Amino acid sequence: MRHSSDEGELRAHLSKLDDVGARINEAVSAVEQTSNPMAFGALGAPLMAICAAAQAMAGSAIDEAAESAVEHHRAFGAMALDIRHNEQARVSAFDGMHNG
């Protein structure tokens, strides 16, 4: 099995994950802002009561997406760091062979 990695591609992917995280955070913020029963005023309170169950389900799904995104970012970042360390160790080992 061959493995090839490009640090630029790994960084680009981490940047995309950061963008996804920022968008999820915006959704979390929107859920928090609209979860107040008075968020839409006194006239909107009955509508809020009707939509509360759906909003709770959507909020739960967004929270799960946020947790998954954070975990994926953490795991991918750790993997990228492991790849870099492994490649540096191999370079050092081969440099030692040629310089020794």
C-alpha atoms as a PDB file:
ATOM      1  CA  MET A   1       0.000   0.000   0.000  1.00  0.00           C
ATOM      2  CA  ARG A   2       1.344   3.399  -0.955  1.00  0.00           C
ATOM      3  CA  HIS A   3       0.588   6.541   0.940  1.00  0.00           C
ATOM      4  CA  SER A   4       1.200  10.039  -0.273  1.00  0.00           C
ATOM      5  CA  SER A   5       0.328  13.249   1.492  1.00  0.00           C
ATOM      6  CA  ASP A   6       0.682  16.874   0.600  1.00  0.00           C
ATOM      7  CA  GLU A   7       0.891  19.290   3.492  1.00  0.00           C
ATOM      8  CA  GLY A   8      -0.732  22.020   1.394  1.00  0.00           C
ATOM      9  CA  GLU A   9      -3.725  19.791   0.691  1.00  0.00           C
ATOM     10  CA  LEU A  10      -3.996  18.881   4.370  1.00  0.00           C
ATOM     11  CA  ARG A  11      -3.950  22.566   5.340  1.00  0.00           C
ATOM     12  CA  ALA A  12      -6.532  23.369   2.651  1.00  0.00           C
ATOM     13  CA  HIS A  13      -8.832  20.668   4.009  1.00  0.00           C
ATOM     14  CA  LEU A  14      -8.412  21.964   7.572  1.00  0.00           C
ATOM     15  CA  SER A  15      -9.309  25.436   6.283  1.00  0.00           C
ATOM     16  CA  LYS A  16     -12.473  24.037   4.709  1.00  0.00           C
ATOM     17  CA  LEU A  17     -13.310  22.354   8.008  1.00  0.00           C
ATOM     18  CA  ASP A  18     -12.859  25.725   9.729  1.00  0.00           C
ATOM     19  CA  ASP A  19     -15.355  27.232   7.261  1.00  0.00           C
ATOM     20  CA  VAL A  20     -17.855  24.453   7.958  1.00  0.00           C
ATOM     21  CA  GLY A  21     -17.412  25.020  11.684  1.00  0.00           C
ATOM     22  CA  ALA A  22     -18.047  28.748  11.294  1.00  0.00           C
ATOM     23  CA  ARG A  23     -21.270  28.062   9.386  1.00  0.00           C
ATOM     24  CA  ILE A  24     -22.435  25.588  12.002  1.00  0.00           C
ATOM     25  CA  ASN A  25     -21.684  28.140  14.731  1.00  0.00           C
ATOM     26  CA  GLU A  26     -23.867  30.650  12.869  1.00  0.00           C
ATOM     27  CA  ALA A  27     -26.691  28.094  12.844  1.00  0.00           C
ATOM     28  CA  VAL A  28     -26.230  27.424  16.566  1.00  0.00           C
ATOM     29  CA  SER A  29     -26.384  31.166  17.212  1.00  0.00           C
ATOM     30  CA  ALA A  30     -29.572  31.459  15.149  1.00  0.00           C
ATOM     31  CA  VAL A  31     -31.178  28.627  17.117  1.00  0.00           C
ATOM     32  CA  GLU A  32     -30.258  30.317  20.398  1.00  0.00           C
ATOM     33  CA  GLN A  33     -31.632  33.678  19.253  1.00  0.00           C
ATOM     34  CA  THR A  34     -34.952  32.255  18.100  1.00  0.00           C
ATOM     35  CA  SER A  35     -35.505  29.816  20.970  1.00  0.00           C
ATOM     36  CA  ASN A  36     -36.777  32.575  23.253  1.00  0.00           C
ATOM     37  CA  PRO A  37     -40.615  32.440  23.231  1.00  0.00           C
ATOM     38  CA  MET A  38     -40.670  36.226  22.873  1.00  0.00           C
ATOM     39  CA  ALA A  39     -38.108  36.310  20.040  1.00  0.00           C
ATOM     40  CA  PHE A  40     -40.864  37.217  17.583  1.00  0.00           C
ATOM     41  CA  GLY A  41     -42.813  39.477  19.938  1.00  0.00           C
ATOM     42  CA  ALA A  42     -46.130  38.982  21.688  1.00  0.00           C
ATOM     43  CA  LEU A  43     -47.963  38.356  18.430  1.00  0.00           C
ATOM     44  CA  GLY A  44     -45.451  35.693  17.431  1.00  0.00           C
ATOM     45  CA  ALA A  45     -45.672  33.743  20.698  1.00  0.00           C
ATOM     46  CA  PRO A  46     -48.544  31.475  19.507  1.00  0.00           C
ATOM     47  CA  LEU A  47     -46.616  30.679  16.324  1.00  0.00           C
ATOM     48  CA  MET A  48     -43.554  29.922  18.432  1.00  0.00           C
ATOM     49  CA  ALA A  49     -45.597  27.467  20.494  1.00  0.00           C
ATOM     50  CA  ILE A  50     -46.713  25.690  17.326  1.00  0.00           C
ATOM     51  CA  CYS A  51     -43.137  25.483  16.004  1.00  0.00           C
ATOM     52  CA  ALA A  52     -41.429  24.612  19.309  1.00  0.00           C
ATOM     53  CA  ALA A  53     -41.215  20.840  18.721  1.00  0.00           C
ATOM     54  CA  ALA A  54     -39.750  21.226  15.235  1.00  0.00           C
ATOM     55  CA  GLN A  55     -37.360  23.878  16.475  1.00  0.00           C
ATOM     56  CA  ALA A  56     -36.193  21.613  19.301  1.00  0.00           C
ATOM     57  CA  MET A  57     -35.518  18.786  16.831  1.00  0.00           C
ATOM     58  CA  ALA A  58     -33.658  21.142  14.488  1.00  0.00           C
ATOM     59  CA  GLY A  59     -31.649  22.567  17.375  1.00  0.00           C
ATOM     60  CA  SER A  60     -30.694  19.075  18.488  1.00  0.00           C
ATOM     61  CA  ALA A  61     -29.592  18.156  14.964  1.00  0.00           C
ATOM     62  CA  ILE A  62     -27.498  21.325  14.712  1.00  0.00           C
ATOM     63  CA  ASP A  63     -25.880  20.608  18.087  1.00  0.00           C
ATOM     64  CA  GLU A  64     -25.002  17.081  16.919  1.00  0.00           C
ATOM     65  CA  ALA A  65     -23.573  18.476  13.673  1.00  0.00           C
ATOM     66  CA  ALA A  66     -21.459  20.922  15.669  1.00  0.00           C
ATOM     67  CA  GLU A  67     -20.110  18.155  17.900  1.00  0.00           C
ATOM     68  CA  SER A  68     -19.336  15.967  14.880  1.00  0.00           C
ATOM     69  CA  ALA A  69     -17.584  18.816  13.069  1.00  0.00           C
ATOM     70  CA  VAL A  70     -15.419  19.592  16.099  1.00  0.00           C
ATOM     71  CA  GLU A  71     -14.498  15.925  16.511  1.00  0.00           C
ATOM     72  CA  HIS A  72     -13.683  15.549  12.795  1.00  0.00           C
ATOM     73  CA  HIS A  73     -11.544  18.697  12.853  1.00  0.00           C
ATOM     74  CA  ARG A  74      -9.695  17.442  15.931  1.00  0.00           C
ATOM     75  CA  ALA A  75      -9.139  13.964  14.471  1.00  0.00           C
ATOM     76  CA  PHE A  76      -8.074  15.254  11.053  1.00  0.00           C
ATOM     77  CA  GLY A  77      -5.681  17.763  12.623  1.00  0.00           C
ATOM     78  CA  ALA A  78      -4.142  15.009  14.756  1.00  0.00           C
ATOM     79  CA  MET A  79      -3.803  12.758  11.712  1.00  0.00           C
ATOM     80  CA  ALA A  80      -2.139  15.550   9.709  1.00  0.00           C
ATOM     81  CA  LEU A  81       0.305  16.147  12.558  1.00  0.00           C
ATOM     82  CA  ASP A  82       1.071  12.411  12.789  1.00  0.00           C
ATOM     83  CA  ILE A  83       1.724  12.292   9.045  1.00  0.00           C
ATOM     84  CA  ARG A  84       4.080  15.254   9.267  1.00  0.00           C
ATOM     85  CA  HIS A  85       6.006  13.754  12.197  1.00  0.00           C
ATOM     86  CA  ASN A  86       6.217  10.371  10.462  1.00  0.00           C
ATOM     87  CA  GLU A  87       7.516  11.928   7.252  1.00  0.00           C
ATOM     88  CA  GLN A  88      10.050  14.027   9.176  1.00  0.00           C
ATOM     89  CA  ALA A  89      11.251  10.928  11.013  1.00  0.00           C
ATOM     90  CA  ARG A  90      11.701   9.061   7.736  1.00  0.00           C
ATOM     91  CA  VAL A  91      13.595  11.979   6.186  1.00  0.00           C
ATOM     92  CA  SER A  92      15.866  12.113   9.221  1.00  0.00           C
ATOM     93  CA  ALA A  93      16.468   8.363   9.075  1.00  0.00           C
ATOM     94  CA  PHE A  94      17.403   8.459   5.406  1.00  0.00           C
ATOM     95  CA  ASP A  95      19.557  11.574   5.860  1.00  0.00           C
ATOM     96  CA  GLY A  96      21.397   9.748   8.621  1.00  0.00           C
ATOM     97  CA  MET A  97      22.047   6.820   6.296  1.00  0.00           C
ATOM     98  CA  HIS A  98      23.610   9.033   3.642  1.00  0.00           C
ATOM     99  CA  ASN A  99      25.553  11.218   6.042  1.00  0.00           C
ATOM    100  CA  GLY A 100      26.766   8.394   8.268  1.00  0.00           C
END
